[in-house]
PDB file of N, CA and C in Angstrom:
ATOM      1  N   MET A   1      16.548   2.677  -5.517  1.00  0.00           N
ATOM      2  CA  MET A   1      15.581   1.237  -6.070  1.00  0.00           C
ATOM      3  C   MET A   1      16.440  -0.376  -5.905  1.00  0.00           C
ATOM      4  N   GLY A   2      15.653  -1.154  -6.050  1.00  0.00           N
ATOM      5  CA  GLY A   2      15.696  -2.833  -6.062  1.00  0.00           C
ATOM      6  C   GLY A   2      16.045  -3.130  -3.968  1.00  0.00           C
ATOM      7  N   SER A   3      15.217  -1.817  -3.408  1.00  0.00           N
ATOM      8  CA  SER A   3      15.574  -2.617  -1.824  1.00  0.00           C
ATOM      9  C   SER A   3      14.475  -3.338  -1.520  1.00  0.00           C
ATOM     10  N   THR A   4      14.701  -4.218  -0.529  1.00  0.00           N
ATOM     11  CA  THR A   4      13.716  -4.879  -0.353  1.00  0.00           C
ATOM     12  C   THR A   4      13.138  -4.867   1.081  1.00  0.00           C
ATOM     13  N   TYR A   5      11.891  -5.365   1.339  1.00  0.00           N
ATOM     14  CA  TYR A   5      11.687  -5.806   2.761  1.00  0.00           C
ATOM     15  C   TYR A   5      10.619  -6.405   3.053  1.00  0.00           C
ATOM     16  N   GLU A   6       9.914  -7.176   3.977  1.00  0.00           N
ATOM     17  CA  GLU A   6       9.194  -8.031   4.301  1.00  0.00           C
ATOM     18  C   GLU A   6       8.158  -7.277   5.473  1.00  0.00           C
ATOM     19  N   LEU A   7       6.921  -7.377   4.799  1.00  0.00           N
ATOM     20  CA  LEU A   7       5.654  -6.548   5.779  1.00  0.00           C
ATOM     21  C   LEU A   7       4.403  -7.804   6.233  1.00  0.00           C
ATOM     22  N   VAL A   8       4.411  -8.245   7.141  1.00  0.00           N
ATOM     23  CA  VAL A   8       3.655  -9.008   7.818  1.00  0.00           C
ATOM     24  C   VAL A   8       2.149  -8.101   7.466  1.00  0.00           C
ATOM     25  N   THR A   9       1.304  -8.909   7.145  1.00  0.00           N
ATOM     26  CA  THR A   9      -0.231  -8.457   6.617  1.00  0.00           C
ATOM     27  C   THR A   9      -1.343  -9.128   7.707  1.00  0.00           C
ATOM     28  N   LEU A  10      -2.230  -8.882   8.019  1.00  0.00           N
ATOM     29  CA  LEU A  10      -3.374  -9.211   8.570  1.00  0.00           C
ATOM     30  C   LEU A  10      -4.587  -9.396   7.710  1.00  0.00           C
ATOM     31  N   PHE A  11      -5.052 -10.224   6.852  1.00  0.00           N
ATOM     32  CA  PHE A  11      -6.392 -10.073   6.066  1.00  0.00           C
ATOM     33  C   PHE A  11      -7.380 -11.697   6.505  1.00  0.00           C
ATOM     34  N   LYS A  12      -8.722 -10.804   7.122  1.00  0.00           N
ATOM     35  CA  LYS A  12      -9.284 -11.977   7.174  1.00  0.00           C
ATOM     36  C   LYS A  12      -8.808 -12.967   8.555  1.00  0.00           C
ATOM     37  N   GLY A  13      -8.388 -11.846   9.091  1.00  0.00           N
ATOM     38  CA  GLY A  13      -7.858 -12.977  10.460  1.00  0.00           C
ATOM     39  C   GLY A  13      -6.439 -13.632  10.346  1.00  0.00           C
ATOM     40  N   LYS A  14      -5.699 -13.863   9.180  1.00  0.00           N
ATOM     41  CA  LYS A  14      -4.788 -14.660   8.790  1.00  0.00           C
ATOM     42  C   LYS A  14      -3.569 -13.553   8.627  1.00  0.00           C
ATOM     43  N   GLU A  15      -2.139 -14.220   9.086  1.00  0.00           N
ATOM     44  CA  GLU A  15      -1.548 -13.366   8.926  1.00  0.00           C
ATOM     45  C   GLU A  15      -0.548 -13.995   7.705  1.00  0.00           C
ATOM     46  N   SER A  16      -0.205 -13.134   6.813  1.00  0.00           N
ATOM     47  CA  SER A  16       0.931 -13.571   5.819  1.00  0.00           C
ATOM     48  C   SER A  16       2.065 -12.827   5.330  1.00  0.00           C
ATOM     49  N   THR A  17       2.816 -13.235   4.831  1.00  0.00           N
ATOM     50  CA  THR A  17       4.230 -12.428   4.875  1.00  0.00           C
ATOM     51  C   THR A  17       4.346 -12.112   3.143  1.00  0.00           C
ATOM     52  N   MET A  18       4.534 -10.771   2.934  1.00  0.00           N
ATOM     53  CA  MET A  18       4.903 -10.649   1.804  1.00  0.00           C
ATOM     54  C   MET A  18       6.069  -9.863   1.734  1.00  0.00           C
ATOM     55  N   LYS A  19       7.126 -10.220   0.621  1.00  0.00           N
ATOM     56  CA  LYS A  19       8.051  -9.154   0.308  1.00  0.00           C
ATOM     57  C   LYS A  19       7.816  -8.359  -0.586  1.00  0.00           C
ATOM     58  N   TYR A  20       8.217  -6.799  -0.106  1.00  0.00           N
ATOM     59  CA  TYR A  20       8.314  -6.119  -0.810  1.00  0.00           C
ATOM     60  C   TYR A  20       9.273  -5.497  -1.762  1.00  0.00           C
ATOM     61  N   THR A  21       9.591  -5.102  -2.513  1.00  0.00           N
ATOM     62  CA  THR A  21      10.363  -4.828  -3.450  1.00  0.00           C
ATOM     63  C   THR A  21      10.282  -2.767  -3.903  1.00  0.00           C
ATOM     64  N   VAL A  22      11.235  -2.193  -3.804  1.00  0.00           N
ATOM     65  CA  VAL A  22      11.388  -0.780  -4.453  1.00  0.00           C
ATOM     66  C   VAL A  22      11.610  -0.336  -5.942  1.00  0.00           C
ATOM     67  N   ALA A  23      10.736  -0.644  -6.524  1.00  0.00           N
ATOM     68  CA  ALA A  23      10.558  -0.612  -8.319  1.00  0.00           C
ATOM     69  C   ALA A  23      10.808   0.556  -8.991  1.00  0.00           C
ATOM     70  N   HIS A  24      10.465   2.055  -8.217  1.00  0.00           N
ATOM     71  CA  HIS A  24      10.696   3.425  -8.675  1.00  0.00           C
ATOM     72  C   HIS A  24      10.717   3.933  -7.308  1.00  0.00           C
ATOM     73  N   TRP A  25      11.777   4.953  -7.377  1.00  0.00           N
ATOM     74  CA  TRP A  25      11.912   6.439  -6.798  1.00  0.00           C
ATOM     75  C   TRP A  25      12.582   7.329  -7.333  1.00  0.00           C
ATOM     76  N   ASP A  26      11.306   8.353  -7.154  1.00  0.00           N
ATOM     77  CA  ASP A  26      12.090   9.253  -7.086  1.00  0.00           C
ATOM     78  C   ASP A  26      11.067  10.250  -5.772  1.00  0.00           C
ATOM     79  N   ALA A  27      11.958  10.318  -4.840  1.00  0.00           N
ATOM     80  CA  ALA A  27      11.853  10.914  -3.571  1.00  0.00           C
ATOM     81  C   ALA A  27      10.452  11.910  -3.728  1.00  0.00           C
ATOM     82  N   LEU A  28      11.074  12.709  -4.902  1.00  0.00           N
ATOM     83  CA  LEU A  28      10.096  14.157  -4.390  1.00  0.00           C
ATOM     84  C   LEU A  28       8.935  13.997  -5.413  1.00  0.00           C
ATOM     85  N   ASN A  29       8.476  13.015  -6.035  1.00  0.00           N
ATOM     86  CA  ASN A  29       7.163  12.613  -6.663  1.00  0.00           C
ATOM     87  C   ASN A  29       6.852  11.426  -6.607  1.00  0.00           C
ATOM     88  N   LYS A  30       7.252  10.615  -7.152  1.00  0.00           N
ATOM     89  CA  LYS A  30       6.910   9.290  -6.790  1.00  0.00           C
ATOM     90  C   LYS A  30       7.597   7.735  -6.188  1.00  0.00           C
ATOM     91  N   VAL A  31       6.845   7.335  -5.648  1.00  0.00           N
ATOM     92  CA  VAL A  31       7.277   5.665  -5.360  1.00  0.00           C
ATOM     93  C   VAL A  31       6.687   4.669  -5.609  1.00  0.00           C
ATOM     94  N   THR A  32       6.861   3.477  -6.068  1.00  0.00           N
ATOM     95  CA  THR A  32       6.451   2.317  -6.816  1.00  0.00           C
ATOM     96  C   THR A  32       7.008   0.807  -5.504  1.00  0.00           C
ATOM     97  N   VAL A  33       6.534   0.552  -5.116  1.00  0.00           N
ATOM     98  CA  VAL A  33       6.872  -0.523  -4.494  1.00  0.00           C
ATOM     99  C   VAL A  33       5.851  -2.042  -5.169  1.00  0.00           C
ATOM    100  N   THR A  34       6.631  -2.813  -5.201  1.00  0.00           N
ATOM    101  CA  THR A  34       5.746  -4.218  -5.867  1.00  0.00           C
ATOM    102  C   THR A  34       5.890  -5.670  -4.973  1.00  0.00           C
ATOM    103  N   GLY A  35       4.817  -5.424  -4.385  1.00  0.00           N
ATOM    104  CA  GLY A  35       4.890  -6.953  -3.623  1.00  0.00           C
ATOM    105  C   GLY A  35       4.562  -8.417  -3.630  1.00  0.00           C
ATOM    106  N   ASP A  36       4.848  -9.340  -3.250  1.00  0.00           N
ATOM    107  CA  ASP A  36       4.527 -10.433  -3.564  1.00  0.00           C
ATOM    108  C   ASP A  36       4.761 -11.803  -2.287  1.00  0.00           C
ATOM    109  N   SER A  37       3.813 -12.555  -2.428  1.00  0.00           N
ATOM    110  CA  SER A  37       3.120 -13.960  -1.315  1.00  0.00           C
ATOM    111  C   SER A  37       3.248 -15.076  -2.707  1.00  0.00           C
ATOM    112  N   SER A  38       3.077 -16.031  -1.813  1.00  0.00           N
ATOM    113  CA  SER A  38       2.503 -17.335  -2.401  1.00  0.00           C
ATOM    114  C   SER A  38       1.123 -16.925  -2.701  1.00  0.00           C
ATOM    115  N   THR A  39       0.365 -16.253  -2.874  1.00  0.00           N
ATOM    116  CA  THR A  39      -1.240 -16.170  -3.000  1.00  0.00           C
ATOM    117  C   THR A  39      -1.542 -14.671  -3.551  1.00  0.00           C
ATOM    118  N   VAL A  40      -1.036 -13.701  -3.303  1.00  0.00           N
ATOM    119  CA  VAL A  40      -0.899 -12.265  -3.711  1.00  0.00           C
ATOM    120  C   VAL A  40       0.258 -11.484  -4.273  1.00  0.00           C
ATOM    121  N   ALA A  41      -0.069 -11.000  -5.433  1.00  0.00           N
ATOM    122  CA  ALA A  41       1.013  -9.728  -5.669  1.00  0.00           C
ATOM    123  C   ALA A  41       0.217  -8.565  -5.521  1.00  0.00           C
ATOM    124  N   ALA A  42       1.061  -7.709  -5.381  1.00  0.00           N
ATOM    125  CA  ALA A  42       0.262  -6.082  -5.433  1.00  0.00           C
ATOM    126  C   ALA A  42       1.704  -5.127  -5.928  1.00  0.00           C
ATOM    127  N   GLU A  43       0.860  -4.202  -5.906  1.00  0.00           N
ATOM    128  CA  GLU A  43       1.651  -2.365  -6.609  1.00  0.00           C
ATOM    129  C   GLU A  43       1.289  -1.589  -6.056  1.00  0.00           C
ATOM    130  N   ASP A  44       2.002  -1.341  -5.451  1.00  0.00           N
ATOM    131  CA  ASP A  44       1.573   0.300  -4.360  1.00  0.00           C
ATOM    132  C   ASP A  44       1.842   1.212  -4.902  1.00  0.00           C
ATOM    133  N   THR A  45       1.549   2.643  -5.244  1.00  0.00           N
ATOM    134  CA  THR A  45       2.078   3.666  -5.801  1.00  0.00           C
ATOM    135  C   THR A  45       1.514   4.613  -5.082  1.00  0.00           C
ATOM    136  N   ILE A  46       2.760   5.638  -4.235  1.00  0.00           N
ATOM    137  CA  ILE A  46       2.702   6.565  -4.088  1.00  0.00           C
ATOM    138  C   ILE A  46       3.108   7.542  -4.755  1.00  0.00           C
ATOM    139  N   THR A  47       2.332   8.831  -4.858  1.00  0.00           N
ATOM    140  CA  THR A  47       2.758  10.225  -5.558  1.00  0.00           C
ATOM    141  C   THR A  47       2.794  11.161  -4.451  1.00  0.00           C
ATOM    142  N   PHE A  48       3.550  12.322  -4.833  1.00  0.00           N
ATOM    143  CA  PHE A  48       3.321  13.239  -4.050  1.00  0.00           C
ATOM    144  C   PHE A  48       3.557  14.935  -4.668  1.00  0.00           C
ATOM    145  N   SER A  49       2.508  15.699  -4.550  1.00  0.00           N
ATOM    146  CA  SER A  49       2.225  17.289  -5.057  1.00  0.00           C
ATOM    147  C   SER A  49       2.456  17.736  -4.160  1.00  0.00           C
ATOM    148  N   ASP A  50       2.296  19.233  -4.826  1.00  0.00           N
ATOM    149  CA  ASP A  50       2.115  20.659  -4.084  1.00  0.00           C
ATOM    150  C   ASP A  50       0.838  20.489  -3.370  1.00  0.00           C
ATOM    151  N   ALA A  51       0.092  20.786  -2.356  1.00  0.00           N
ATOM    152  CA  ALA A  51      -1.144  21.343  -1.843  1.00  0.00           C
ATOM    153  C   ALA A  51      -1.596  22.567  -2.092  1.00  0.00           C
ATOM    154  N   PRO A  52      -2.558  22.948  -2.022  1.00  0.00           N
ATOM    155  CA  PRO A  52      -3.032  24.382  -2.171  1.00  0.00           C
ATOM    156  C   PRO A  52      -2.534  25.050  -1.015  1.00  0.00           C
ATOM    157  N   THR A  53      -2.375  24.501   0.326  1.00  0.00           N
ATOM    158  CA  THR A  53      -1.965  25.657   1.036  1.00  0.00           C
ATOM    159  C   THR A  53      -0.501  25.682   1.180  1.00  0.00           C
ATOM    160  N   PRO A  54       0.241  26.681   1.141  1.00  0.00           N
ATOM    161  CA  PRO A  54       2.158  26.610   1.153  1.00  0.00           C
ATOM    162  C   PRO A  54       2.529  25.769   1.975  1.00  0.00           C
ATOM    163  N   GLY A  55       3.609  25.124   1.740  1.00  0.00           N
ATOM    164  CA  GLY A  55       4.466  24.272   2.844  1.00  0.00           C
ATOM    165  C   GLY A  55       3.870  22.581   2.668  1.00  0.00           C
ATOM    166  N   HIS A  56       3.022  22.104   2.233  1.00  0.00           N
ATOM    167  CA  HIS A  56       2.084  21.566   3.236  1.00  0.00           C
ATOM    168  C   HIS A  56       1.841  20.233   1.159  1.00  0.00           C
ATOM    169  N   THR A  57       1.578  19.288   0.988  1.00  0.00           N
ATOM    170  CA  THR A  57       2.201  18.340   0.345  1.00  0.00           C
ATOM    171  C   THR A  57       0.714  17.153   0.573  1.00  0.00           C
ATOM    172  N   THR A  58       0.384  16.959  -0.887  1.00  0.00           N
ATOM    173  CA  THR A  58      -0.565  15.778  -1.047  1.00  0.00           C
ATOM    174  C   THR A  58      -0.230  14.673  -1.676  1.00  0.00           C
ATOM    175  N   ILE A  59      -0.501  13.367  -0.865  1.00  0.00           N
ATOM    176  CA  ILE A  59      -0.184  12.764  -0.701  1.00  0.00           C
ATOM    177  C   ILE A  59      -1.547  11.746  -1.364  1.00  0.00           C
ATOM    178  N   ALA A  60      -0.890  10.587  -2.681  1.00  0.00           N
ATOM    179  CA  ALA A  60      -2.057  10.427  -3.350  1.00  0.00           C
ATOM    180  C   ALA A  60      -1.439   8.372  -3.126  1.00  0.00           C
ATOM    181  N   TYR A  61      -2.481   7.648  -2.917  1.00  0.00           N
ATOM    182  CA  TYR A  61      -2.005   6.085  -2.789  1.00  0.00           C
ATOM    183  C   TYR A  61      -2.865   5.059  -3.325  1.00  0.00           C
ATOM    184  N   SER A  62      -2.421   4.300  -4.141  1.00  0.00           N
ATOM    185  CA  SER A  62      -3.116   3.303  -4.674  1.00  0.00           C
ATOM    186  C   SER A  62      -2.555   2.004  -4.737  1.00  0.00           C
ATOM    187  N   ALA A  63      -2.961   1.075  -4.613  1.00  0.00           N
ATOM    188  CA  ALA A  63      -2.673  -0.351  -4.154  1.00  0.00           C
ATOM    189  C   ALA A  63      -3.604  -1.141  -5.300  1.00  0.00           C
ATOM    190  N   ASP A  64      -3.091  -1.980  -6.154  1.00  0.00           N
ATOM    191  CA  ASP A  64      -3.406  -2.943  -6.965  1.00  0.00           C
ATOM    192  C   ASP A  64      -2.904  -3.978  -6.478  1.00  0.00           C
ATOM    193  N   ILE A  65      -4.060  -5.173  -5.686  1.00  0.00           N
ATOM    194  CA  ILE A  65      -3.449  -6.215  -5.542  1.00  0.00           C
ATOM    195  C   ILE A  65      -4.627  -7.190  -6.201  1.00  0.00           C
ATOM    196  N   ARG A  66      -3.599  -8.097  -6.426  1.00  0.00           N
ATOM    197  CA  ARG A  66      -3.997  -9.367  -7.332  1.00  0.00           C
ATOM    198  C   ARG A  66      -4.046 -10.632  -6.795  1.00  0.00           C
ATOM    199  N   LEU A  67      -4.882 -11.253  -6.648  1.00  0.00           N
ATOM    200  CA  LEU A  67      -4.866 -12.784  -5.890  1.00  0.00           C
ATOM    201  C   LEU A  67      -4.375 -13.619  -7.053  1.00  0.00           C
ATOM    202  N   LYS A  68      -3.375 -14.714  -7.080  1.00  0.00           N
ATOM    203  CA  LYS A  68      -2.998 -15.235  -7.811  1.00  0.00           C
ATOM    204  C   LYS A  68      -2.959 -16.728  -8.432  1.00  0.00           C
ATOM    205  N   GLY A  69      -2.697 -17.458  -9.243  1.00  0.00           N
ATOM    206  CA  GLY A  69      -3.432 -18.829  -9.710  1.00  0.00           C
ATOM    207  C   GLY A  69      -4.851 -18.570  -9.773  1.00  0.00           C
ATOM    208  N   LEU A  70      -5.269 -20.079  -9.321  1.00  0.00           N
ATOM    209  CA  LEU A  70      -6.565 -19.978  -8.885  1.00  0.00           C
ATOM    210  C   LEU A  70      -7.473 -19.294  -8.539  1.00  0.00           C
ATOM    211  N   LEU A  71      -6.746 -19.067  -7.498  1.00  0.00           N
ATOM    212  CA  LEU A  71      -7.239 -17.953  -6.421  1.00  0.00           C
ATOM    213  C   LEU A  71      -7.559 -16.431  -6.993  1.00  0.00           C
ATOM    214  N   SER A  72      -7.322 -16.102  -8.104  1.00  0.00           N
ATOM    215  CA  SER A  72      -7.956 -15.432  -9.223  1.00  0.00           C
ATOM    216  C   SER A  72      -9.095 -15.168  -9.443  1.00  0.00           C
ATOM    217  N   LEU A  73      -9.421 -16.851  -9.792  1.00  0.00           N
ATOM    218  CA  LEU A  73     -10.834 -17.093  -9.975  1.00  0.00           C
ATOM    219  C   LEU A  73     -12.391 -16.478  -9.068  1.00  0.00           C
ATOM    220  N   PHE A  74     -11.469 -16.371  -7.644  1.00  0.00           N
ATOM    221  CA  PHE A  74     -12.508 -15.668  -6.319  1.00  0.00           C
ATOM    222  C   PHE A  74     -11.882 -14.435  -6.067  1.00  0.00           C
ATOM    223  N   THR A  75     -11.386 -13.430  -6.570  1.00  0.00           N
ATOM    224  CA  THR A  75     -11.518 -12.347  -6.226  1.00  0.00           C
ATOM    225  C   THR A  75     -12.773 -11.770  -5.413  1.00  0.00           C
ATOM    226  N   TRP A  76     -13.503 -11.523  -6.418  1.00  0.00           N
ATOM    227  CA  TRP A  76     -14.738 -11.221  -6.185  1.00  0.00           C
ATOM    228  C   TRP A  76     -15.577 -11.375  -5.157  1.00  0.00           C
ATOM    229  N   VAL A  77     -15.268 -12.761  -4.363  1.00  0.00           N
ATOM    230  CA  VAL A  77     -15.577 -12.880  -2.869  1.00  0.00           C
ATOM    231  C   VAL A  77     -15.050 -11.918  -2.088  1.00  0.00           C
ATOM    232  N   VAL A  78     -13.980 -11.751  -2.076  1.00  0.00           N
ATOM    233  CA  VAL A  78     -13.327 -10.972  -1.071  1.00  0.00           C
ATOM    234  C   VAL A  78     -12.603  -9.429  -1.531  1.00  0.00           C
ATOM    235  N   ALA A  79     -13.511  -9.066  -2.877  1.00  0.00           N
ATOM    236  CA  ALA A  79     -13.142  -7.494  -3.418  1.00  0.00           C
ATOM    237  C   ALA A  79     -13.541  -6.366  -2.145  1.00  0.00           C
ATOM    238  N   GLY A  80     -14.796  -6.874  -1.449  1.00  0.00           N
ATOM    239  CA  GLY A  80     -15.435  -6.030  -0.486  1.00  0.00           C
ATOM    240  C   GLY A  80     -14.228  -5.957   0.687  1.00  0.00           C
ATOM    241  N   ASP A  81     -13.931  -7.418   1.088  1.00  0.00           N
ATOM    242  CA  ASP A  81     -12.975  -7.265   2.000  1.00  0.00           C
ATOM    243  C   ASP A  81     -11.373  -6.537   1.985  1.00  0.00           C
ATOM    244  N   ILE A  82     -10.417  -6.672   0.719  1.00  0.00           N
ATOM    245  CA  ILE A  82      -9.827  -5.675   0.226  1.00  0.00           C
ATOM    246  C   ILE A  82     -10.270  -4.180  -0.010  1.00  0.00           C
ATOM    247  N   LYS A  83     -11.074  -4.089  -0.174  1.00  0.00           N
ATOM    248  CA  LYS A  83     -11.679  -2.507   0.342  1.00  0.00           C
ATOM    249  C   LYS A  83     -11.760  -2.042   1.380  1.00  0.00           C
ATOM    250  N   ALA A  84     -12.228  -2.939   2.375  1.00  0.00           N
ATOM    251  CA  ALA A  84     -11.919  -2.656   3.665  1.00  0.00           C
ATOM    252  C   ALA A  84     -10.440  -2.328   4.606  1.00  0.00           C
ATOM    253  N   LEU A  85      -9.831  -3.488   3.765  1.00  0.00           N
ATOM    254  CA  LEU A  85      -8.558  -2.988   3.955  1.00  0.00           C
ATOM    255  C   LEU A  85      -7.925  -1.937   3.780  1.00  0.00           C
ATOM    256  N   GLY A  86      -8.167  -1.461   2.637  1.00  0.00           N
ATOM    257  CA  GLY A  86      -7.651  -0.149   1.908  1.00  0.00           C
ATOM    258  C   GLY A  86      -8.030   0.983   3.225  1.00  0.00           C
ATOM    259  N   ALA A  87      -9.355   0.738   3.324  1.00  0.00           N
ATOM    260  CA  ALA A  87     -10.203   1.766   4.109  1.00  0.00           C
ATOM    261  C   ALA A  87      -9.365   1.967   5.115  1.00  0.00           C
ATOM    262  N   ASP A  88      -8.867   0.746   5.613  1.00  0.00           N
ATOM    263  CA  ASP A  88      -8.915   0.802   7.221  1.00  0.00           C
ATOM    264  C   ASP A  88      -7.265   1.127   7.619  1.00  0.00           C
ATOM    265  N   ALA A  89      -6.311   0.857   5.923  1.00  0.00           N
ATOM    266  CA  ALA A  89      -5.066   1.494   5.822  1.00  0.00           C
ATOM    267  C   ALA A  89      -4.939   3.244   5.856  1.00  0.00           C
ATOM    268  N   LYS A  90      -5.713   3.525   5.083  1.00  0.00           N
ATOM    269  CA  LYS A  90      -5.740   4.956   4.543  1.00  0.00           C
ATOM    270  C   LYS A  90      -6.145   5.682   6.310  1.00  0.00           C
ATOM    271  N   ALA A  91      -6.953   5.118   6.837  1.00  0.00           N
ATOM    272  CA  ALA A  91      -7.475   6.190   8.332  1.00  0.00           C
ATOM    273  C   ALA A  91      -6.345   5.539   9.050  1.00  0.00           C
ATOM    274  N   GLY A  92      -5.790   4.543   9.186  1.00  0.00           N
ATOM    275  CA  GLY A  92      -4.636   4.538   9.788  1.00  0.00           C
ATOM    276  C   GLY A  92      -3.290   5.873   9.602  1.00  0.00           C
ATOM    277  N   MET A  93      -3.174   6.174   8.426  1.00  0.00           N
ATOM    278  CA  MET A  93      -1.801   6.984   7.911  1.00  0.00           C
ATOM    279  C   MET A  93      -2.720   8.321   8.247  1.00  0.00           C
ATOM    280  N   GLU A  94      -3.841   9.013   8.001  1.00  0.00           N
ATOM    281  CA  GLU A  94      -4.606  10.048   8.294  1.00  0.00           C
ATOM    282  C   GLU A  94      -4.296   9.819   9.717  1.00  0.00           C
ATOM    283  N   LYS A  95      -4.586   9.156  10.473  1.00  0.00           N
ATOM    284  CA  LYS A  95      -4.679   8.940  12.052  1.00  0.00           C
ATOM    285  C   LYS A  95      -2.748   9.729  12.522  1.00  0.00           C
ATOM    286  N   ALA A  96      -2.084   8.794  11.761  1.00  0.00           N
ATOM    287  CA  ALA A  96      -0.642   8.837  12.184  1.00  0.00           C
ATOM    288  C   ALA A  96      -0.676  10.333  11.760  1.00  0.00           C
ATOM    289  N   PHE A  97      -0.377  10.452  10.896  1.00  0.00           N
ATOM    290  CA  PHE A  97      -0.007  12.187   9.913  1.00  0.00           C
ATOM    291  C   PHE A  97      -0.330  13.441  11.182  1.00  0.00           C
ATOM    292  N   ALA A  98      -2.111  13.136  11.349  1.00  0.00           N
ATOM    293  CA  ALA A  98      -2.959  14.184  12.286  1.00  0.00           C
ATOM    294  C   ALA A  98      -2.018  14.196  14.051  1.00  0.00           C
ATOM    295  N   GLU A  99      -1.403  13.079  14.361  1.00  0.00           N
ATOM    296  CA  GLU A  99      -0.761  12.857  15.467  1.00  0.00           C
ATOM    297  C   GLU A  99       0.469  13.235  15.259  1.00  0.00           C
ATOM    298  N   GLY A 100       1.342  13.656  13.778  1.00  0.00           N
ATOM    299  CA  GLY A 100       2.546  14.217  13.929  1.00  0.00           C
ATOM    300  C   GLY A 100       3.488  12.969  14.017  1.00  0.00           C
ATOM    301  N   LYS A 101       3.032  11.476  14.040  1.00  0.00           N
ATOM    302  CA  LYS A 101       3.962  10.582  13.967  1.00  0.00           C
ATOM    303  C   LYS A 101       4.614  10.287  12.654  1.00  0.00           C
ATOM    304  N   HIS A 102       4.268  10.979  11.518  1.00  0.00           N
ATOM    305  CA  HIS A 102       5.674  11.028  10.454  1.00  0.00           C
ATOM    306  C   HIS A 102       6.615  11.338  10.189  1.00  0.00           C
ATOM    307  N   GLN A 103       6.572  12.628  11.205  1.00  0.00           N
ATOM    308  CA  GLN A 103       7.642  13.072  11.811  1.00  0.00           C
ATOM    309  C   GLN A 103       8.561  12.720  12.142  1.00  0.00           C
ATOM    310  N   ALA A 104      10.448  12.644  11.619  1.00  0.00           N
ATOM    311  CA  ALA A 104      11.408  12.186  12.367  1.00  0.00           C
ATOM    312  C   ALA A 104      11.535  12.620  13.510  1.00  0.00           C
TER     313      ALA A 104
END
């Protein structure tokens, strides 16, 4: 816990750097990271559970993304774009798992 990393995000064609911190670490069950930039705060939670198929794991990923300051008044304007960003991220993760890119 407490480890930090930077992630360059791309949203509506604009790059932004977010600093993420590992806030909770239970390697077999749950990981939570918090992200912060000048305009956005985020909390991402990843949970792991046994899948119905023996030897497989179900992964649930949720992200709470909030605009900061006066920008928060305009969240409704970009809500659809934020949902699309999440859908793209999900598709990318599913593709990586399907192609075996998640394995060391």
